[in-house]
Structures are given as structure tokens and as C-alpha cells.
C-alpha atoms as a PDB file:
ATOM      1  CA  UNK A   1       0.732  15.194  -2.726  1.00  0.00           C
ATOM      2  CA  UNK A   2      -2.515  13.154  -2.455  1.00  0.00           C
ATOM      3  CA  UNK A   3      -5.396  12.083  -3.800  1.00  0.00           C
ATOM      4  CA  UNK A   4      -7.788  15.265  -2.973  1.00  0.00           C
ATOM      5  CA  UNK A   5      -8.661  15.004   0.671  1.00  0.00           C
ATOM      6  CA  UNK A   6     -11.810  17.035   0.578  1.00  0.00           C
ATOM      7  CA  UNK A   7     -15.198  16.090   2.882  1.00  0.00           C
ATOM      8  CA  UNK A   8     -16.467  15.046  -0.571  1.00  0.00           C
ATOM      9  CA  UNK A   9     -13.686  12.608  -1.067  1.00  0.00           C
ATOM     10  CA  UNK A  10     -13.331  11.028   2.841  1.00  0.00           C
ATOM     11  CA  UNK A  11     -17.640  11.002   2.943  1.00  0.00           C
ATOM     12  CA  UNK A  12     -17.421   8.344  -0.215  1.00  0.00           C
ATOM     13  CA  UNK A  13     -14.951   6.745   1.143  1.00  0.00           C
ATOM     14  CA  UNK A  14     -16.575   6.242   4.736  1.00  0.00           C
ATOM     15  CA  UNK A  15     -19.643   5.117   2.075  1.00  0.00           C
ATOM     16  CA  UNK A  16     -17.718   2.774   0.348  1.00  0.00           C
ATOM     17  CA  UNK A  17     -16.282   1.548   4.189  1.00  0.00           C
ATOM     18  CA  UNK A  18     -19.990   1.277   5.121  1.00  0.00           C
ATOM     19  CA  UNK A  19     -21.020  -0.314   2.385  1.00  0.00           C
ATOM     20  CA  UNK A  20     -18.828  -3.210   2.494  1.00  0.00           C
ATOM     21  CA  UNK A  21     -18.841  -4.107   5.829  1.00  0.00           C
ATOM     22  CA  UNK A  22     -22.215  -3.984   5.982  1.00  0.00           C
ATOM     23  CA  UNK A  23     -22.396  -6.128   3.005  1.00  0.00           C
ATOM     24  CA  UNK A  24     -19.658  -8.534   4.669  1.00  0.00           C
ATOM     25  CA  UNK A  25     -21.409  -9.128   7.782  1.00  0.00           C
ATOM     26  CA  UNK A  26     -24.446  -9.454   5.802  1.00  0.00           C
ATOM     27  CA  UNK A  27     -23.456 -12.037   3.831  1.00  0.00           C
ATOM     28  CA  UNK A  28     -21.107 -13.400   6.981  1.00  0.00           C
ATOM     29  CA  UNK A  29     -22.412 -12.647  10.289  1.00  0.00           C
ATOM     30  CA  UNK A  30     -19.092 -12.483  10.858  1.00  0.00           C
ATOM     31  CA  UNK A  31     -17.744  -9.684  13.029  1.00  0.00           C
ATOM     32  CA  UNK A  32     -13.972 -10.318  13.423  1.00  0.00           C
ATOM     33  CA  UNK A  33     -14.158 -10.882   9.148  1.00  0.00           C
ATOM     34  CA  UNK A  34     -16.569  -7.751   9.420  1.00  0.00           C
ATOM     35  CA  UNK A  35     -13.603  -6.000  11.594  1.00  0.00           C
ATOM     36  CA  UNK A  36     -10.439  -6.937   8.323  1.00  0.00           C
ATOM     37  CA  UNK A  37     -12.543  -5.767   5.694  1.00  0.00           C
ATOM     38  CA  UNK A  38     -12.819  -2.188   7.372  1.00  0.00           C
ATOM     39  CA  UNK A  39      -9.351  -2.552   7.614  1.00  0.00           C
ATOM     40  CA  UNK A  40      -8.949  -3.961   4.515  1.00  0.00           C
ATOM     41  CA  UNK A  41     -11.454  -0.552   2.612  1.00  0.00           C
ATOM     42  CA  UNK A  42      -8.873   1.754   4.506  1.00  0.00           C
ATOM     43  CA  UNK A  43      -5.593   0.023   3.468  1.00  0.00           C
ATOM     44  CA  UNK A  44      -6.859   0.313  -0.412  1.00  0.00           C
ATOM     45  CA  UNK A  45      -8.002   3.781   0.389  1.00  0.00           C
ATOM     46  CA  UNK A  46      -4.213   4.828   1.761  1.00  0.00           C
ATOM     47  CA  UNK A  47      -2.164   2.497  -0.790  1.00  0.00           C
ATOM     48  CA  UNK A  48      -4.143   4.033  -3.840  1.00  0.00           C
ATOM     49  CA  UNK A  49      -3.346   7.613  -2.294  1.00  0.00           C
ATOM     50  CA  UNK A  50      -0.422   8.167  -0.511  1.00  0.00           C
ATOM     51  CA  UNK A  51       1.569   5.877  -3.306  1.00  0.00           C
ATOM     52  CA  UNK A  52      -0.609   5.314  -6.635  1.00  0.00           C
ATOM     53  CA  UNK A  53      -2.236   7.600  -7.776  1.00  0.00           C
ATOM     54  CA  UNK A  54      -0.967  11.169  -6.491  1.00  0.00           C
ATOM     55  CA  UNK A  55      -1.942  14.435  -8.263  1.00  0.00           C
ATOM     56  CA  UNK A  56      -0.343  17.640  -7.744  1.00  0.00           C
ATOM     57  CA  UNK A  57      -1.628  20.657  -9.746  1.00  0.00           C
ATOM     58  CA  UNK A  58       1.271  22.504  -9.403  1.00  0.00           C
ATOM     59  CA  UNK A  59       4.885  23.026 -11.161  1.00  0.00           C
ATOM     60  CA  UNK A  60       6.940  21.457  -8.896  1.00  0.00           C
ATOM     61  CA  UNK A  61      10.002  22.587 -10.885  1.00  0.00           C
ATOM     62  CA  UNK A  62      11.798  18.992  -9.757  1.00  0.00           C
ATOM     63  CA  UNK A  63      14.391  17.927 -12.125  1.00  0.00           C
ATOM     64  CA  UNK A  64      15.409  14.255 -11.250  1.00  0.00           C
ATOM     65  CA  UNK A  65      19.122  13.214 -11.501  1.00  0.00           C
ATOM     66  CA  UNK A  66      20.427   9.837 -12.901  1.00  0.00           C
ATOM     67  CA  UNK A  67      20.730   7.183 -10.304  1.00  0.00           C
ATOM     68  CA  UNK A  68      24.381   7.269 -10.804  1.00  0.00           C
ATOM     69  CA  UNK A  69      25.169  10.646 -10.451  1.00  0.00           C
ATOM     70  CA  UNK A  70      23.165  10.920  -7.271  1.00  0.00           C
ATOM     71  CA  UNK A  71      24.617   7.732  -5.320  1.00  0.00           C
ATOM     72  CA  UNK A  72      28.347   7.734  -6.946  1.00  0.00           C
ATOM     73  CA  UNK A  73      29.644  10.343  -4.702  1.00  0.00           C
ATOM     74  CA  UNK A  74      28.523   9.074  -0.902  1.00  0.00           C
ATOM     75  CA  UNK A  75      30.250   7.600   1.567  1.00  0.00           C
ATOM     76  CA  UNK A  76      29.040   4.583   3.032  1.00  0.00           C
ATOM     77  CA  UNK A  77      27.575   6.441   5.870  1.00  0.00           C
ATOM     78  CA  UNK A  78      26.200   9.124   3.707  1.00  0.00           C
ATOM     79  CA  UNK A  79      24.129   6.518   1.462  1.00  0.00           C
ATOM     80  CA  UNK A  80      23.125   4.754   5.101  1.00  0.00           C
ATOM     81  CA  UNK A  81      21.702   8.912   6.541  1.00  0.00           C
ATOM     82  CA  UNK A  82      20.275   9.225   3.188  1.00  0.00           C
ATOM     83  CA  UNK A  83      18.150   5.791   2.635  1.00  0.00           C
ATOM     84  CA  UNK A  84      17.271   6.101   6.693  1.00  0.00           C
ATOM     85  CA  UNK A  85      16.520  10.271   6.201  1.00  0.00           C
ATOM     86  CA  UNK A  86      14.270   8.775   3.129  1.00  0.00           C
ATOM     87  CA  UNK A  87      12.732   6.153   4.343  1.00  0.00           C
ATOM     88  CA  UNK A  88      11.312   8.240   7.022  1.00  0.00           C
ATOM     89  CA  UNK A  89      10.349  11.211   4.935  1.00  0.00           C
ATOM     90  CA  UNK A  90       8.015   7.805   3.128  1.00  0.00           C
ATOM     91  CA  UNK A  91       6.977   6.442   5.832  1.00  0.00           C
ATOM     92  CA  UNK A  92       3.350   5.978   4.461  1.00  0.00           C
ATOM     93  CA  UNK A  93       4.516   3.988   1.431  1.00  0.00           C
ATOM     94  CA  UNK A  94       5.567   1.949   4.038  1.00  0.00           C
ATOM     95  CA  UNK A  95       3.170   0.885   6.433  1.00  0.00           C
ATOM     96  CA  UNK A  96      -0.439   1.640   3.782  1.00  0.00           C
ATOM     97  CA  UNK A  97       1.331  -1.418   2.064  1.00  0.00           C
ATOM     98  CA  UNK A  98       2.363  -3.480   5.434  1.00  0.00           C
ATOM     99  CA  UNK A  99      -1.350  -2.766   6.268  1.00  0.00           C
ATOM    100  CA  UNK A 100      -2.487  -4.268   2.923  1.00  0.00           C
ATOM    101  CA  UNK A 101      -0.388  -7.087   2.791  1.00  0.00           C
ATOM    102  CA  UNK A 102      -1.000  -8.306   6.055  1.00  0.00           C
ATOM    103  CA  UNK A 103      -4.805  -7.697   5.965  1.00  0.00           C
ATOM    104  CA  UNK A 104      -4.857  -9.510   2.191  1.00  0.00           C
ATOM    105  CA  UNK A 105      -3.027 -12.463   3.865  1.00  0.00           C
ATOM    106  CA  UNK A 106      -5.920 -12.664   6.915  1.00  0.00           C
ATOM    107  CA  UNK A 107      -8.632 -12.160   4.678  1.00  0.00           C
ATOM    108  CA  UNK A 108      -7.756 -14.256   1.380  1.00  0.00           C
ATOM    109  CA  UNK A 109      -6.395 -17.863   1.718  1.00  0.00           C
ATOM    110  CA  UNK A 110      -4.751 -17.010  -1.823  1.00  0.00           C
ATOM    111  CA  UNK A 111      -2.322 -14.484  -0.441  1.00  0.00           C
ATOM    112  CA  UNK A 112      -0.992 -16.710   1.999  1.00  0.00           C
ATOM    113  CA  UNK A 113       0.896 -18.459  -0.921  1.00  0.00           C
ATOM    114  CA  UNK A 114       3.921 -16.460  -1.186  1.00  0.00           C
ATOM    115  CA  UNK A 115       3.862 -16.412  -4.951  1.00  0.00           C
ATOM    116  CA  UNK A 116       0.238 -15.378  -4.990  1.00  0.00           C
ATOM    117  CA  UNK A 117       1.556 -11.979  -2.574  1.00  0.00           C
ATOM    118  CA  UNK A 118       4.361 -11.156  -4.922  1.00  0.00           C
ATOM    119  CA  UNK A 119       2.608 -10.792  -7.816  1.00  0.00           C
ATOM    120  CA  UNK A 120      -0.515  -8.500  -5.914  1.00  0.00           C
ATOM    121  CA  UNK A 121       3.050  -6.540  -5.399  1.00  0.00           C
ATOM    122  CA  UNK A 122       4.213  -6.241  -8.371  1.00  0.00           C
ATOM    123  CA  UNK A 123       1.004  -5.737  -9.994  1.00  0.00           C
ATOM    124  CA  UNK A 124       0.712  -3.114  -7.530  1.00  0.00           C
ATOM    125  CA  UNK A 125       4.034  -1.125  -8.164  1.00  0.00           C
ATOM    126  CA  UNK A 126       3.375  -1.498 -12.136  1.00  0.00           C
ATOM    127  CA  UNK A 127       0.135   0.642 -11.580  1.00  0.00           C
ATOM    128  CA  UNK A 128       2.236   3.364  -9.821  1.00  0.00           C
ATOM    129  CA  UNK A 129       4.631   3.172 -12.459  1.00  0.00           C
ATOM    130  CA  UNK A 130       2.766   3.106 -15.342  1.00  0.00           C
ATOM    131  CA  UNK A 131      -0.274   5.711 -13.994  1.00  0.00           C
ATOM    132  CA  UNK A 132       2.719   8.398 -13.000  1.00  0.00           C
ATOM    133  CA  UNK A 133       5.293   7.730 -15.496  1.00  0.00           C
ATOM    134  CA  UNK A 134       2.110   8.249 -18.202  1.00  0.00           C
ATOM    135  CA  UNK A 135       1.081  11.288 -16.455  1.00  0.00           C
ATOM    136  CA  UNK A 136       3.993  12.791 -16.248  1.00  0.00           C
ATOM    137  CA  UNK A 137       4.801  12.104 -20.116  1.00  0.00           C
ATOM    138  CA  UNK A 138       1.356  13.403 -20.946  1.00  0.00           C
ATOM    139  CA  UNK A 139       1.830  16.808 -18.879  1.00  0.00           C
ATOM    140  CA  UNK A 140       5.281  17.284 -19.775  1.00  0.00           C
ATOM    141  CA  UNK A 141       6.742  18.373 -16.839  1.00  0.00           C
ATOM    142  CA  UNK A 142       7.103  16.030 -12.895  1.00  0.00           C
ATOM    143  CA  UNK A 143       3.752  15.691 -10.672  1.00  0.00           C
ATOM    144  CA  UNK A 144       5.391  12.899  -8.925  1.00  0.00           C
ATOM    145  CA  UNK A 145       9.117  11.436  -9.310  1.00  0.00           C
ATOM    146  CA  UNK A 146       9.416   7.884  -9.511  1.00  0.00           C
ATOM    147  CA  UNK A 147      12.066   7.064  -7.528  1.00  0.00           C
ATOM    148  CA  UNK A 148      13.926   3.516  -6.941  1.00  0.00           C
ATOM    149  CA  UNK A 149      13.667   3.716  -2.994  1.00  0.00           C
ATOM    150  CA  UNK A 150       9.832   3.758  -3.030  1.00  0.00           C
ATOM    151  CA  UNK A 151       9.913   0.403  -4.763  1.00  0.00           C
ATOM    152  CA  UNK A 152      12.093  -0.709  -2.248  1.00  0.00           C
ATOM    153  CA  UNK A 153      10.080   0.938   0.617  1.00  0.00           C
ATOM    154  CA  UNK A 154       6.591  -0.519  -0.829  1.00  0.00           C
ATOM    155  CA  UNK A 155       8.801  -3.723  -1.119  1.00  0.00           C
ATOM    156  CA  UNK A 156       9.782  -3.786   2.643  1.00  0.00           C
ATOM    157  CA  UNK A 157       6.603  -2.613   3.613  1.00  0.00           C
ATOM    158  CA  UNK A 158       4.453  -5.156   1.716  1.00  0.00           C
ATOM    159  CA  UNK A 159       6.911  -7.885   2.956  1.00  0.00           C
ATOM    160  CA  UNK A 160       6.998  -7.356   6.494  1.00  0.00           C
ATOM    161  CA  UNK A 161       3.522  -7.467   6.642  1.00  0.00           C
ATOM    162  CA  UNK A 162       2.470 -10.299   4.684  1.00  0.00           C
ATOM    163  CA  UNK A 163       5.998 -11.651   7.357  1.00  0.00           C
ATOM    164  CA  UNK A 164       3.692 -10.702  10.136  1.00  0.00           C
ATOM    165  CA  UNK A 165       0.611 -12.402   9.093  1.00  0.00           C
ATOM    166  CA  UNK A 166       2.241 -15.276   8.547  1.00  0.00           C
ATOM    167  CA  UNK A 167       3.545 -15.566  12.267  1.00  0.00           C
ATOM    168  CA  UNK A 168      -0.005 -14.092  13.338  1.00  0.00           C
ATOM    169  CA  UNK A 169      -1.598 -17.355  11.573  1.00  0.00           C
ATOM    170  CA  UNK A 170       0.716 -19.891  12.357  1.00  0.00           C
ATOM    171  CA  UNK A 171       1.106 -18.510  16.275  1.00  0.00           C
ATOM    172  CA  UNK A 172      -2.815 -18.424  15.971  1.00  0.00           C
ATOM    173  CA  UNK A 173      -3.862 -20.730  13.969  1.00  0.00           C
ATOM    174  CA  UNK A 174      -7.832 -20.072  14.759  1.00  0.00           C
ATOM    175  CA  UNK A 175      -7.524 -16.673  13.183  1.00  0.00           C
ATOM    176  CA  UNK A 176      -7.476 -17.781  10.215  1.00  0.00           C
ATOM    177  CA  UNK A 177     -10.412 -19.708  10.638  1.00  0.00           C
ATOM    178  CA  UNK A 178     -12.340 -17.604  12.022  1.00  0.00           C
ATOM    179  CA  UNK A 179     -11.863 -14.907   9.622  1.00  0.00           C
ATOM    180  CA  UNK A 180     -12.802 -16.915   6.732  1.00  0.00           C
ATOM    181  CA  UNK A 181     -15.939 -18.893   8.552  1.00  0.00           C
ATOM    182  CA  UNK A 182     -19.216 -17.759   8.084  1.00  0.00           C
ATOM    183  CA  UNK A 183     -21.759 -17.884  10.818  1.00  0.00           C
ATOM    184  CA  UNK A 184     -23.835 -21.067   9.946  1.00  0.00           C
ATOM    185  CA  UNK A 185     -20.434 -23.169   9.345  1.00  0.00           C
END
């Protein structure tokens, strides 16, 4: 369940990658920054296609259980197994948000502050929630179920990516400076 992955969609993605990378390289003459812009565009595509706008045109027949009824009868071991299985099922959420946060923190100096990163994460999650709940209400069936676990996985992926980027910049401060430099600087 994701955005249409036909040849046309992938062609449009490739054109966007080429345009953004060419424009970045032409403006900054910085190959390292261009590489991170390439990763940034890919991360945005995967966050959008895997997490934000999943579209399915057939009736899923899925009826969501309430949070209380789903977890009240589980032992702690069953709950751990459930979350591990769910995490592995939704690993694309985790990986997409990890790469998005990592690249955003490396590329944009403002995203290196935790408050700005949290604002970005909350905005992305809000779009995910509003779009999918609105879509479900408009067509009167469950197109994509909204689970609290999805938000937890997105949060963990984003925070992990942000922490990895902060550690990378702390270990190699020249990387953060080199990515921001223009050729003439």
C-alpha cells in the first residue's frame, strides 16, 4: 500500500532528483551538498510514499479494534512480541524517518536544534493523521488504518536519525561546515 509506483511516478521522481541536484550543484558548486540533497529528495519521496499518503483503491475490510481491547488481554511478553513484529512489519516507516532526520540535520543548520526538529516531526505526523483520517471519513471505509504504533515508530526513527546526525557532526564537525559551504567560501 503506497503511492503509485508506476514508471511515470518513478520518472517524475528521477526528474525531481536531477533538477534539485543540478540546481544545488550549480548554485553551490559543492558535490558533498549535492549528494546530501540527493538523499534528501529520496527521503522525502519515501516518507511521502511509505508513511504520509498511502493510497489503496480496494476495500480492505479492516475494522480497527479499540486500543484498550487490543492490549488489555496481553501479557508483557506478548506485548513485546507484538511490538517487535509490528516494528519489523513497519520498518520502512522507521528507515524513512531515520534518513529524513539525518539528512535534514546535516543539510540544514536550523534542524540541528531539537526544538526545530520536533516541530518538523510534529508537522509531518499531523499531515499523516489529518490526511489519512480525512480520507477514511470521506470514502467511508478504512483505506489506511491509523495506529498509535505507527507514530511511535515514526518518532523513534526520526529521533534516531537526528541523534545519529548530531553524533556525526560532533565527531566530524568539518562535515557540517563542508556541506554548508559554497565553492567560493
